[in-house]
PDB file of N, CA and C in Angstrom:
ATOM      1  N   MET A   1      97.381 118.383  66.847  1.00  0.00           N
ATOM      2  CA  MET A   1      96.350 118.014  68.096  1.00  0.00           C
ATOM      3  C   MET A   1      95.515 117.849  66.584  1.00  0.00           C
ATOM      4  N   ASN A   2      94.055 117.980  66.885  1.00  0.00           N
ATOM      5  CA  ASN A   2      92.667 117.772  65.600  1.00  0.00           C
ATOM      6  C   ASN A   2      92.398 118.702  66.199  1.00  0.00           C
ATOM      7  N   LYS A   3      91.373 119.118  66.118  1.00  0.00           N
ATOM      8  CA  LYS A   3      90.533 120.452  66.904  1.00  0.00           C
ATOM      9  C   LYS A   3      88.977 119.552  66.164  1.00  0.00           C
ATOM     10  N   LYS A   4      87.681 119.264  66.520  1.00  0.00           N
ATOM     11  CA  LYS A   4      86.983 118.753  66.393  1.00  0.00           C
ATOM     12  C   LYS A   4      86.057 120.347  65.516  1.00  0.00           C
ATOM     13  N   THR A   5      85.146 120.053  64.346  1.00  0.00           N
ATOM     14  CA  THR A   5      84.163 120.784  63.440  1.00  0.00           C
ATOM     15  C   THR A   5      83.108 121.641  64.390  1.00  0.00           C
ATOM     16  N   LEU A   6      83.322 122.491  64.826  1.00  0.00           N
ATOM     17  CA  LEU A   6      81.293 122.877  65.364  1.00  0.00           C
ATOM     18  C   LEU A   6      80.302 122.592  64.008  1.00  0.00           C
ATOM     19  N   PRO A   7      79.495 123.357  64.816  1.00  0.00           N
ATOM     20  CA  PRO A   7      78.281 123.454  63.885  1.00  0.00           C
ATOM     21  C   PRO A   7      78.446 123.893  63.708  1.00  0.00           C
ATOM     22  N   PRO A   8      77.175 124.517  62.693  1.00  0.00           N
ATOM     23  CA  PRO A   8      76.672 125.800  62.229  1.00  0.00           C
ATOM     24  C   PRO A   8      76.459 126.476  63.724  1.00  0.00           C
ATOM     25  N   PRO A   9      76.160 127.622  63.969  1.00  0.00           N
ATOM     26  CA  PRO A   9      75.344 128.483  64.926  1.00  0.00           C
ATOM     27  C   PRO A   9      73.255 128.417  64.730  1.00  0.00           C
ATOM     28  N   PRO A  10      72.824 128.293  65.481  1.00  0.00           N
ATOM     29  CA  PRO A  10      71.717 127.914  65.376  1.00  0.00           C
ATOM     30  C   PRO A  10      70.726 129.331  65.069  1.00  0.00           C
ATOM     31  N   ASP A  11      69.565 129.174  64.129  1.00  0.00           N
ATOM     32  CA  ASP A  11      69.302 130.566  63.800  1.00  0.00           C
ATOM     33  C   ASP A  11      67.865 130.519  65.166  1.00  0.00           C
ATOM     34  N   PHE A  12      67.741 132.141  65.885  1.00  0.00           N
ATOM     35  CA  PHE A  12      66.923 132.323  66.839  1.00  0.00           C
ATOM     36  C   PHE A  12      65.487 132.847  66.074  1.00  0.00           C
ATOM     37  N   ASP A  13      64.087 131.546  66.552  1.00  0.00           N
ATOM     38  CA  ASP A  13      63.243 132.225  66.133  1.00  0.00           C
ATOM     39  C   ASP A  13      62.605 133.973  66.809  1.00  0.00           C
ATOM     40  N   SER A  14      63.042 133.781  67.856  1.00  0.00           N
ATOM     41  CA  SER A  14      63.030 135.387  69.322  1.00  0.00           C
ATOM     42  C   SER A  14      64.106 135.090  69.960  1.00  0.00           C
ATOM     43  N   PRO A  15      63.489 136.457  70.302  1.00  0.00           N
ATOM     44  CA  PRO A  15      64.409 136.943  71.735  1.00  0.00           C
ATOM     45  C   PRO A  15      64.828 136.221  72.911  1.00  0.00           C
ATOM     46  N   GLU A  16      63.675 135.539  72.808  1.00  0.00           N
ATOM     47  CA  GLU A  16      63.538 134.747  74.274  1.00  0.00           C
ATOM     48  C   GLU A  16      64.360 133.508  73.852  1.00  0.00           C
ATOM     49  N   GLU A  17      64.100 132.647  72.913  1.00  0.00           N
ATOM     50  CA  GLU A  17      64.637 131.738  72.706  1.00  0.00           C
ATOM     51  C   GLU A  17      66.692 131.809  72.557  1.00  0.00           C
ATOM     52  N   ALA A  18      67.269 133.010  71.433  1.00  0.00           N
ATOM     53  CA  ALA A  18      68.184 133.281  72.013  1.00  0.00           C
ATOM     54  C   ALA A  18      68.571 133.807  73.876  1.00  0.00           C
ATOM     55  N   LYS A  19      68.135 134.393  74.191  1.00  0.00           N
ATOM     56  CA  LYS A  19      68.188 134.062  75.839  1.00  0.00           C
ATOM     57  C   LYS A  19      68.159 132.525  76.236  1.00  0.00           C
ATOM     58  N   ASP A  20      67.638 131.224  75.931  1.00  0.00           N
ATOM     59  CA  ASP A  20      67.898 130.736  76.988  1.00  0.00           C
ATOM     60  C   ASP A  20      69.114 129.997  76.081  1.00  0.00           C
ATOM     61  N   ILE A  21      69.390 129.900  75.041  1.00  0.00           N
ATOM     62  CA  ILE A  21      71.040 129.241  74.291  1.00  0.00           C
ATOM     63  C   ILE A  21      72.139 130.186  74.993  1.00  0.00           C
ATOM     64  N   ILE A  22      71.884 131.412  74.745  1.00  0.00           N
ATOM     65  CA  ILE A  22      73.216 131.985  75.321  1.00  0.00           C
ATOM     66  C   ILE A  22      73.280 131.504  76.975  1.00  0.00           C
ATOM     67  N   HIS A  23      72.406 131.172  78.128  1.00  0.00           N
ATOM     68  CA  HIS A  23      72.376 131.058  79.756  1.00  0.00           C
ATOM     69  C   HIS A  23      72.985 129.431  79.559  1.00  0.00           C
ATOM     70  N   PHE A  24      72.464 128.363  78.517  1.00  0.00           N
ATOM     71  CA  PHE A  24      72.936 127.455  78.337  1.00  0.00           C
ATOM     72  C   PHE A  24      74.339 127.002  77.905  1.00  0.00           C
ATOM     73  N   LEU A  25      74.749 128.351  77.140  1.00  0.00           N
ATOM     74  CA  LEU A  25      76.202 128.173  76.516  1.00  0.00           C
ATOM     75  C   LEU A  25      77.448 128.787  77.725  1.00  0.00           C
ATOM     76  N   TRP A  26      76.357 129.457  78.668  1.00  0.00           N
ATOM     77  CA  TRP A  26      77.546 130.941  79.646  1.00  0.00           C
ATOM     78  C   TRP A  26      77.772 129.440  80.307  1.00  0.00           C
ATOM     79  N   ASN A  27      76.429 128.901  80.909  1.00  0.00           N
ATOM     80  CA  ASN A  27      76.769 128.115  82.310  1.00  0.00           C
ATOM     81  C   ASN A  27      77.845 126.480  82.172  1.00  0.00           C
ATOM     82  N   LYS A  28      77.270 126.543  80.782  1.00  0.00           N
ATOM     83  CA  LYS A  28      78.745 125.308  80.078  1.00  0.00           C
ATOM     84  C   LYS A  28      79.808 126.103  80.387  1.00  0.00           C
ATOM     85  N   LEU A  29      79.672 127.481  79.834  1.00  0.00           N
ATOM     86  CA  LEU A  29      81.435 128.046  80.050  1.00  0.00           C
ATOM     87  C   LEU A  29      81.569 127.629  81.135  1.00  0.00           C
ATOM     88  N   ALA A  30      81.004 128.105  82.209  1.00  0.00           N
ATOM     89  CA  ALA A  30      81.914 128.262  83.670  1.00  0.00           C
ATOM     90  C   ALA A  30      81.780 126.954  84.316  1.00  0.00           C
ATOM     91  N   GLU A  31      80.892 125.823  83.942  1.00  0.00           N
ATOM     92  CA  GLU A  31      81.680 124.316  83.852  1.00  0.00           C
ATOM     93  C   GLU A  31      82.714 124.021  83.650  1.00  0.00           C
ATOM     94  N   LEU A  32      83.355 124.568  82.709  1.00  0.00           N
ATOM     95  CA  LEU A  32      84.624 123.512  82.197  1.00  0.00           C
ATOM     96  C   LEU A  32      85.512 124.649  82.674  1.00  0.00           C
ATOM     97  N   GLU A  33      85.621 125.900  82.721  1.00  0.00           N
ATOM     98  CA  GLU A  33      86.068 126.590  83.490  1.00  0.00           C
ATOM     99  C   GLU A  33      86.214 126.229  84.593  1.00  0.00           C
ATOM    100  N   ASP A  34      85.531 125.603  85.506  1.00  0.00           N
ATOM    101  CA  ASP A  34      85.807 125.434  87.172  1.00  0.00           C
ATOM    102  C   ASP A  34      87.024 124.018  86.531  1.00  0.00           C
ATOM    103  N   ARG A  35      86.353 123.183  85.359  1.00  0.00           N
ATOM    104  CA  ARG A  35      87.206 121.585  85.702  1.00  0.00           C
ATOM    105  C   ARG A  35      88.794 122.249  85.008  1.00  0.00           C
ATOM    106  N   LEU A  36      88.734 122.892  84.050  1.00  0.00           N
ATOM    107  CA  LEU A  36      90.125 123.459  83.802  1.00  0.00           C
ATOM    108  C   LEU A  36      91.353 124.275  84.975  1.00  0.00           C
ATOM    109  N   ASN A  37      90.103 124.782  86.405  1.00  0.00           N
ATOM    110  CA  ASN A  37      91.089 125.127  87.088  1.00  0.00           C
ATOM    111  C   ASN A  37      91.258 124.201  88.577  1.00  0.00           C
ATOM    112  N   GLN A  38      91.089 122.797  88.541  1.00  0.00           N
ATOM    113  CA  GLN A  38      90.808 122.130  89.448  1.00  0.00           C
ATOM    114  C   GLN A  38      92.530 121.809  89.436  1.00  0.00           C
ATOM    115  N   ASN A  39      92.960 121.510  90.570  1.00  0.00           N
ATOM    116  CA  ASN A  39      94.032 120.961  90.541  1.00  0.00           C
ATOM    117  C   ASN A  39      94.580 119.545  92.040  1.00  0.00           C
ATOM    118  N   SER A  40      95.470 118.877  92.186  1.00  0.00           N
ATOM    119  CA  SER A  40      95.096 118.276  93.484  1.00  0.00           C
ATOM    120  C   SER A  40      94.553 118.747  94.639  1.00  0.00           C
ATOM    121  N   ARG A  41      94.636 119.379  95.021  1.00  0.00           N
ATOM    122  CA  ARG A  41      94.233 120.494  96.461  1.00  0.00           C
ATOM    123  C   ARG A  41      93.071 120.721  96.491  1.00  0.00           C
ATOM    124  N   ASN A  42      92.348 120.762  95.139  1.00  0.00           N
ATOM    125  CA  ASN A  42      90.669 121.135  95.234  1.00  0.00           C
ATOM    126  C   ASN A  42      90.049 119.889  94.305  1.00  0.00           C
ATOM    127  N   SER A  43      91.001 118.904  94.400  1.00  0.00           N
ATOM    128  CA  SER A  43      90.079 117.688  92.942  1.00  0.00           C
ATOM    129  C   SER A  43      90.475 116.071  94.034  1.00  0.00           C
ATOM    130  N   SER A  44      89.877 115.043  93.938  1.00  0.00           N
ATOM    131  CA  SER A  44      90.348 114.075  93.988  1.00  0.00           C
ATOM    132  C   SER A  44      91.134 113.320  93.379  1.00  0.00           C
ATOM    133  N   VAL A  45      91.888 114.049  92.287  1.00  0.00           N
ATOM    134  CA  VAL A  45      92.552 113.668  91.381  1.00  0.00           C
ATOM    135  C   VAL A  45      94.555 113.940  92.246  1.00  0.00           C
ATOM    136  N   PRO A  46      94.866 112.196  92.428  1.00  0.00           N
ATOM    137  CA  PRO A  46      96.466 112.844  92.995  1.00  0.00           C
ATOM    138  C   PRO A  46      97.422 113.536  92.409  1.00  0.00           C
ATOM    139  N   SER A  47      97.997 114.133  93.302  1.00  0.00           N
ATOM    140  CA  SER A  47      99.084 115.242  92.933  1.00  0.00           C
ATOM    141  C   SER A  47      99.968 114.523  91.709  1.00  0.00           C
ATOM    142  N   SER A  48     100.607 113.004  91.513  1.00  0.00           N
ATOM    143  CA  SER A  48     101.329 112.399  90.214  1.00  0.00           C
ATOM    144  C   SER A  48     100.346 112.096  89.495  1.00  0.00           C
ATOM    145  N   GLN A  49      99.142 112.081  89.823  1.00  0.00           N
ATOM    146  CA  GLN A  49      98.170 112.488  88.549  1.00  0.00           C
ATOM    147  C   GLN A  49      97.906 114.188  87.227  1.00  0.00           C
ATOM    148  N   GLN A  50      98.486 115.552  88.047  1.00  0.00           N
ATOM    149  CA  GLN A  50      98.156 116.292  87.591  1.00  0.00           C
ATOM    150  C   GLN A  50      99.289 116.645  86.131  1.00  0.00           C
ATOM    151  N   PRO A  51      99.289 117.431  85.229  1.00  0.00           N
ATOM    152  CA  PRO A  51      99.904 117.927  84.606  1.00  0.00           C
ATOM    153  C   PRO A  51     101.150 118.564  85.148  1.00  0.00           C
ATOM    154  N   LEU A  52     101.518 119.113  84.659  1.00  0.00           N
ATOM    155  CA  LEU A  52     103.100 119.560  85.501  1.00  0.00           C
ATOM    156  C   LEU A  52     102.497 121.492  85.416  1.00  0.00           C
ATOM    157  N   HIS A  53     101.872 121.130  83.924  1.00  0.00           N
ATOM    158  CA  HIS A  53     101.302 122.858  83.776  1.00  0.00           C
ATOM    159  C   HIS A  53     100.301 122.838  85.480  1.00  0.00           C
ATOM    160  N   ASN A  54      99.376 122.658  85.219  1.00  0.00           N
ATOM    161  CA  ASN A  54      98.695 122.411  86.424  1.00  0.00           C
ATOM    162  C   ASN A  54      98.612 121.772  87.615  1.00  0.00           C
ATOM    163  N   LYS A  55     100.159 121.901  88.338  1.00  0.00           N
ATOM    164  CA  LYS A  55      99.940 120.860  89.355  1.00  0.00           C
ATOM    165  C   LYS A  55      99.836 122.539  90.443  1.00  0.00           C
ATOM    166  N   ALA A  56     100.028 121.939  91.323  1.00  0.00           N
ATOM    167  CA  ALA A  56      99.028 122.916  92.963  1.00  0.00           C
ATOM    168  C   ALA A  56     100.417 123.919  93.101  1.00  0.00           C
ATOM    169  N   LYS A  57     100.617 124.678  93.177  1.00  0.00           N
ATOM    170  CA  LYS A  57     101.535 125.768  93.671  1.00  0.00           C
ATOM    171  C   LYS A  57     101.806 125.315  95.553  1.00  0.00           C
ATOM    172  N   ASN A  58     103.557 125.170  95.845  1.00  0.00           N
ATOM    173  CA  ASN A  58     103.734 125.348  97.139  1.00  0.00           C
ATOM    174  C   ASN A  58     103.383 126.069  97.915  1.00  0.00           C
ATOM    175  N   THR A  59     103.212 126.209  99.182  1.00  0.00           N
ATOM    176  CA  THR A  59     102.712 126.925 100.195  1.00  0.00           C
ATOM    177  C   THR A  59     103.769 127.201 101.126  1.00  0.00           C
ATOM    178  N   SER A  60     105.352 126.650 101.327  1.00  0.00           N
ATOM    179  CA  SER A  60     105.660 125.735 102.234  1.00  0.00           C
ATOM    180  C   SER A  60     106.746 127.712 102.249  1.00  0.00           C
ATOM    181  N   PRO A  61     106.728 128.473 100.699  1.00  0.00           N
ATOM    182  CA  PRO A  61     107.963 129.712 100.746  1.00  0.00           C
ATOM    183  C   PRO A  61     106.960 130.681 102.471  1.00  0.00           C
ATOM    184  N   ASN A  62     105.567 130.398 102.484  1.00  0.00           N
ATOM    185  CA  ASN A  62     104.700 131.246 102.971  1.00  0.00           C
ATOM    186  C   ASN A  62     104.668 131.287 104.479  1.00  0.00           C
ATOM    187  N   ARG A  63     105.523 129.767 104.731  1.00  0.00           N
ATOM    188  CA  ARG A  63     105.827 129.561 106.839  1.00  0.00           C
ATOM    189  C   ARG A  63     106.933 130.243 106.829  1.00  0.00           C
ATOM    190  N   LYS A  64     106.528 130.444 108.016  1.00  0.00           N
ATOM    191  CA  LYS A  64     107.512 131.821 108.899  1.00  0.00           C
ATOM    192  C   LYS A  64     108.651 130.597 109.150  1.00  0.00           C
ATOM    193  N   LYS A  65     109.981 131.272 108.660  1.00  0.00           N
ATOM    194  CA  LYS A  65     110.787 129.985 109.824  1.00  0.00           C
ATOM    195  C   LYS A  65     111.121 130.422 111.208  1.00  0.00           C
ATOM    196  N   SER A  66     111.290 128.839 111.860  1.00  0.00           N
ATOM    197  CA  SER A  66     111.745 128.859 113.088  1.00  0.00           C
ATOM    198  C   SER A  66     113.127 129.074 113.723  1.00  0.00           C
ATOM    199  N   GLY A  67     113.851 129.105 113.045  1.00  0.00           N
ATOM    200  CA  GLY A  67     115.337 129.584 113.586  1.00  0.00           C
ATOM    201  C   GLY A  67     116.362 128.872 114.186  1.00  0.00           C
ATOM    202  N   LYS A  68     115.144 127.365 114.340  1.00  0.00           N
ATOM    203  CA  LYS A  68     116.186 126.490 114.379  1.00  0.00           C
ATOM    204  C   LYS A  68     116.693 125.727 113.455  1.00  0.00           C
ATOM    205  N   LYS A  69     118.165 124.921 113.771  1.00  0.00           N
ATOM    206  CA  LYS A  69     118.493 124.174 112.833  1.00  0.00           C
ATOM    207  C   LYS A  69     118.328 122.961 112.511  1.00  0.00           C
ATOM    208  N   GLN A  70     118.509 122.371 111.513  1.00  0.00           N
ATOM    209  CA  GLN A  70     117.978 121.589 110.558  1.00  0.00           C
ATOM    210  C   GLN A  70     118.381 120.271 111.896  1.00  0.00           C
ATOM    211  N   GLY A  71     117.252 119.283 111.485  1.00  0.00           N
ATOM    212  CA  GLY A  71     118.331 118.096 112.569  1.00  0.00           C
ATOM    213  C   GLY A  71     118.019 117.847 113.917  1.00  0.00           C
ATOM    214  N   ALA A  72     118.497 117.068 114.882  1.00  0.00           N
ATOM    215  CA  ALA A  72     118.301 116.778 116.359  1.00  0.00           C
ATOM    216  C   ALA A  72     118.472 118.259 117.257  1.00  0.00           C
ATOM    217  N   GLN A  73     117.734 118.627 117.679  1.00  0.00           N
ATOM    218  CA  GLN A  73     118.065 119.721 118.394  1.00  0.00           C
ATOM    219  C   GLN A  73     118.899 119.542 119.637  1.00  0.00           C
ATOM    220  N   PRO A  74     119.208 120.638 120.039  1.00  0.00           N
ATOM    221  CA  PRO A  74     120.173 120.552 121.625  1.00  0.00           C
ATOM    222  C   PRO A  74     118.737 120.207 122.529  1.00  0.00           C
ATOM    223  N   GLY A  75     119.248 119.481 123.609  1.00  0.00           N
ATOM    224  CA  GLY A  75     118.637 118.516 124.993  1.00  0.00           C
ATOM    225  C   GLY A  75     117.745 117.722 124.717  1.00  0.00           C
ATOM    226  N   HIS A  76     117.873 117.357 123.158  1.00  0.00           N
ATOM    227  CA  HIS A  76     116.272 116.348 122.597  1.00  0.00           C
ATOM    228  C   HIS A  76     117.568 115.016 123.189  1.00  0.00           C
ATOM    229  N   LYS A  77     116.037 114.092 124.185  1.00  0.00           N
ATOM    230  CA  LYS A  77     116.727 112.657 123.965  1.00  0.00           C
ATOM    231  C   LYS A  77     116.825 112.284 122.984  1.00  0.00           C
ATOM    232  N   GLY A  78     118.269 111.417 122.340  1.00  0.00           N
ATOM    233  CA  GLY A  78     118.131 110.625 120.972  1.00  0.00           C
ATOM    234  C   GLY A  78     117.521 109.222 121.730  1.00  0.00           C
ATOM    235  N   HIS A  79     117.079 108.598 120.377  1.00  0.00           N
ATOM    236  CA  HIS A  79     116.479 107.140 120.317  1.00  0.00           C
ATOM    237  C   HIS A  79     117.365 106.095 119.112  1.00  0.00           C
ATOM    238  N   ARG A  80     118.041 105.384 119.956  1.00  0.00           N
ATOM    239  CA  ARG A  80     118.804 104.582 118.788  1.00  0.00           C
ATOM    240  C   ARG A  80     118.850 102.781 119.465  1.00  0.00           C
ATOM    241  N   ARG A  81     119.480 102.155 118.825  1.00  0.00           N
ATOM    242  CA  ARG A  81     119.025 101.063 119.441  1.00  0.00           C
ATOM    243  C   ARG A  81     120.495 100.417 119.799  1.00  0.00           C
ATOM    244  N   LEU A  82     120.479  99.772 120.636  1.00  0.00           N
ATOM    245  CA  LEU A  82     121.472  99.542 122.094  1.00  0.00           C
ATOM    246  C   LEU A  82     122.377  98.336 121.584  1.00  0.00           C
ATOM    247  N   LEU A  83     123.715  98.612 121.421  1.00  0.00           N
ATOM    248  CA  LEU A  83     124.405  97.105 121.276  1.00  0.00           C
ATOM    249  C   LEU A  83     124.183  96.552 121.994  1.00  0.00           C
ATOM    250  N   HIS A  84     124.316  94.936 122.098  1.00  0.00           N
ATOM    251  CA  HIS A  84     124.138  93.599 122.501  1.00  0.00           C
ATOM    252  C   HIS A  84     125.954  93.814 122.923  1.00  0.00           C
ATOM    253  N   PRO A  85     125.412  93.644 124.702  1.00  0.00           N
ATOM    254  CA  PRO A  85     127.297  93.703 125.687  1.00  0.00           C
ATOM    255  C   PRO A  85     127.182  92.440 125.104  1.00  0.00           C
ATOM    256  N   ILE A  86     129.047  92.296 124.433  1.00  0.00           N
ATOM    257  CA  ILE A  86     129.877  91.653 124.538  1.00  0.00           C
ATOM    258  C   ILE A  86     130.020  90.046 125.566  1.00  0.00           C
ATOM    259  N   GLU A  87     129.969  90.661 126.886  1.00  0.00           N
ATOM    260  CA  GLU A  87     130.203  89.117 128.420  1.00  0.00           C
ATOM    261  C   GLU A  87     128.763  88.650 127.872  1.00  0.00           C
ATOM    262  N   GLU A  88     127.616  89.327 127.355  1.00  0.00           N
ATOM    263  CA  GLU A  88     126.475  87.898 127.057  1.00  0.00           C
ATOM    264  C   GLU A  88     126.497  87.494 125.887  1.00  0.00           C
ATOM    265  N   SER A  89     127.541  87.373 124.772  1.00  0.00           N
ATOM    266  CA  SER A  89     127.906  86.795 123.706  1.00  0.00           C
ATOM    267  C   SER A  89     128.542  85.307 124.575  1.00  0.00           C
ATOM    268  N   ALA A  90     127.880  84.154 122.934  1.00  0.00           N
ATOM    269  CA  ALA A  90     128.104  83.387 123.160  1.00  0.00           C
ATOM    270  C   ALA A  90     130.008  83.099 122.679  1.00  0.00           C
ATOM    271  N   SER A  91     130.457  84.184 122.324  1.00  0.00           N
ATOM    272  CA  SER A  91     132.089  84.117 121.260  1.00  0.00           C
ATOM    273  C   SER A  91     131.981  84.955 120.807  1.00  0.00           C
ATOM    274  N   VAL A  92     132.952  85.084 120.663  1.00  0.00           N
ATOM    275  CA  VAL A  92     133.387  87.071 119.578  1.00  0.00           C
ATOM    276  C   VAL A  92     134.465  86.273 118.600  1.00  0.00           C
ATOM    277  N   GLU A  93     133.934  86.571 117.484  1.00  0.00           N
ATOM    278  CA  GLU A  93     134.962  85.985 116.363  1.00  0.00           C
ATOM    279  C   GLU A  93     135.325  87.151 115.757  1.00  0.00           C
ATOM    280  N   GLN A  94     136.233  87.549 115.294  1.00  0.00           N
ATOM    281  CA  GLN A  94     136.820  87.879 113.859  1.00  0.00           C
ATOM    282  C   GLN A  94     137.396  87.328 112.637  1.00  0.00           C
ATOM    283  N   TYR A  95     136.726  88.402 111.489  1.00  0.00           N
ATOM    284  CA  TYR A  95     137.100  87.924 110.168  1.00  0.00           C
ATOM    285  C   TYR A  95     137.583  88.757 109.880  1.00  0.00           C
ATOM    286  N   LEU A  96     138.735  88.882 108.895  1.00  0.00           N
ATOM    287  CA  LEU A  96     139.889  89.544 108.073  1.00  0.00           C
ATOM    288  C   LEU A  96     139.670  89.091 106.611  1.00  0.00           C
ATOM    289  N   PRO A  97     139.402  89.866 105.919  1.00  0.00           N
ATOM    290  CA  PRO A  97     139.748  89.306 104.400  1.00  0.00           C
ATOM    291  C   PRO A  97     141.084  88.813 104.249  1.00  0.00           C
ATOM    292  N   ASN A  98     140.813  88.315 103.035  1.00  0.00           N
ATOM    293  CA  ASN A  98     142.512  87.741 102.401  1.00  0.00           C
ATOM    294  C   ASN A  98     142.874  88.636 102.274  1.00  0.00           C
ATOM    295  N   LYS A  99     144.771  87.951 102.357  1.00  0.00           N
ATOM    296  CA  LYS A  99     145.404  89.353 101.643  1.00  0.00           C
ATOM    297  C   LYS A  99     145.772  89.554 100.457  1.00  0.00           C
ATOM    298  N   ILE A 100     145.060  88.292  99.549  1.00  0.00           N
ATOM    299  CA  ILE A 100     144.956  89.357  97.913  1.00  0.00           C
ATOM    300  C   ILE A 100     143.398  89.161  97.357  1.00  0.00           C
ATOM    301  N   CYS A 101     143.096  90.954  97.122  1.00  0.00           N
ATOM    302  CA  CYS A 101     141.687  90.938  96.656  1.00  0.00           C
ATOM    303  C   CYS A 101     141.036  89.956  95.202  1.00  0.00           C
ATOM    304  N   HIS A 102     139.876  90.007  95.140  1.00  0.00           N
ATOM    305  CA  HIS A 102     139.640  89.326  93.832  1.00  0.00           C
ATOM    306  C   HIS A 102     139.716  90.009  92.535  1.00  0.00           C
ATOM    307  N   CYS A 103     140.334  91.450  92.818  1.00  0.00           N
ATOM    308  CA  CYS A 103     140.812  92.021  91.541  1.00  0.00           C
ATOM    309  C   CYS A 103     142.364  91.887  91.271  1.00  0.00           C
ATOM    310  N   GLY A 104     142.864  90.639  92.326  1.00  0.00           N
ATOM    311  CA  GLY A 104     144.738  90.619  91.939  1.00  0.00           C
ATOM    312  C   GLY A 104     145.559  91.544  93.336  1.00  0.00           C
ATOM    313  N   GLY A 105     144.581  93.202  93.660  1.00  0.00           N
ATOM    314  CA  GLY A 105     145.628  93.154  94.319  1.00  0.00           C
ATOM    315  C   GLY A 105     145.920  93.283  95.610  1.00  0.00           C
ATOM    316  N   ASN A 106     146.851  93.743  96.617  1.00  0.00           N
ATOM    317  CA  ASN A 106     147.333  93.443  97.774  1.00  0.00           C
ATOM    318  C   ASN A 106     146.534  93.559  98.907  1.00  0.00           C
ATOM    319  N   TYR A 107     145.933  93.438  99.705  1.00  0.00           N
ATOM    320  CA  TYR A 107     145.604  94.088 101.110  1.00  0.00           C
ATOM    321  C   TYR A 107     145.977  93.840 102.153  1.00  0.00           C
ATOM    322  N   SER A 108     146.727  95.108 102.684  1.00  0.00           N
ATOM    323  CA  SER A 108     147.146  95.050 104.061  1.00  0.00           C
ATOM    324  C   SER A 108     146.276  94.744 105.609  1.00  0.00           C
ATOM    325  N   PRO A 109     145.859  94.254 106.040  1.00  0.00           N
ATOM    326  CA  PRO A 109     144.882  94.645 106.774  1.00  0.00           C
ATOM    327  C   PRO A 109     145.137  94.950 108.205  1.00  0.00           C
ATOM    328  N   ARG A 110     144.601  96.418 108.861  1.00  0.00           N
ATOM    329  CA  ARG A 110     145.007  96.916 109.532  1.00  0.00           C
ATOM    330  C   ARG A 110     144.839  96.258 111.338  1.00  0.00           C
ATOM    331  N   SER A 111     145.280  96.884 112.455  1.00  0.00           N
ATOM    332  CA  SER A 111     145.424  96.294 113.586  1.00  0.00           C
ATOM    333  C   SER A 111     144.520  97.222 114.072  1.00  0.00           C
ATOM    334  N   TYR A 112     143.180  96.689 114.881  1.00  0.00           N
ATOM    335  CA  TYR A 112     142.507  97.767 115.913  1.00  0.00           C
ATOM    336  C   TYR A 112     143.354  97.583 117.257  1.00  0.00           C
TER     337      TYR A 112
END
């Protein structure tokens, strides 16, 4: 990483001039520190673009556990796609694989 060479510090003719430069530099320092402390939660930068060392901390460990197990809860009405009734089908065909596999092995289909 190449460091920029800084210009020599300015010479001050009066204490007021030194005060002005100190205030300017102090404000610049505050602005740069604010930019350094930004993360995806307090800026418009998406979290995928954040450097790994500057990613926002996960707050989920601070949440209280509900005591419920993961997944479907007892008493919850399930949502699933129903099968089409066989009676309404025009025909039902059974397809079985060949007795010899493409790799050369024998295959014996089970009867269901």
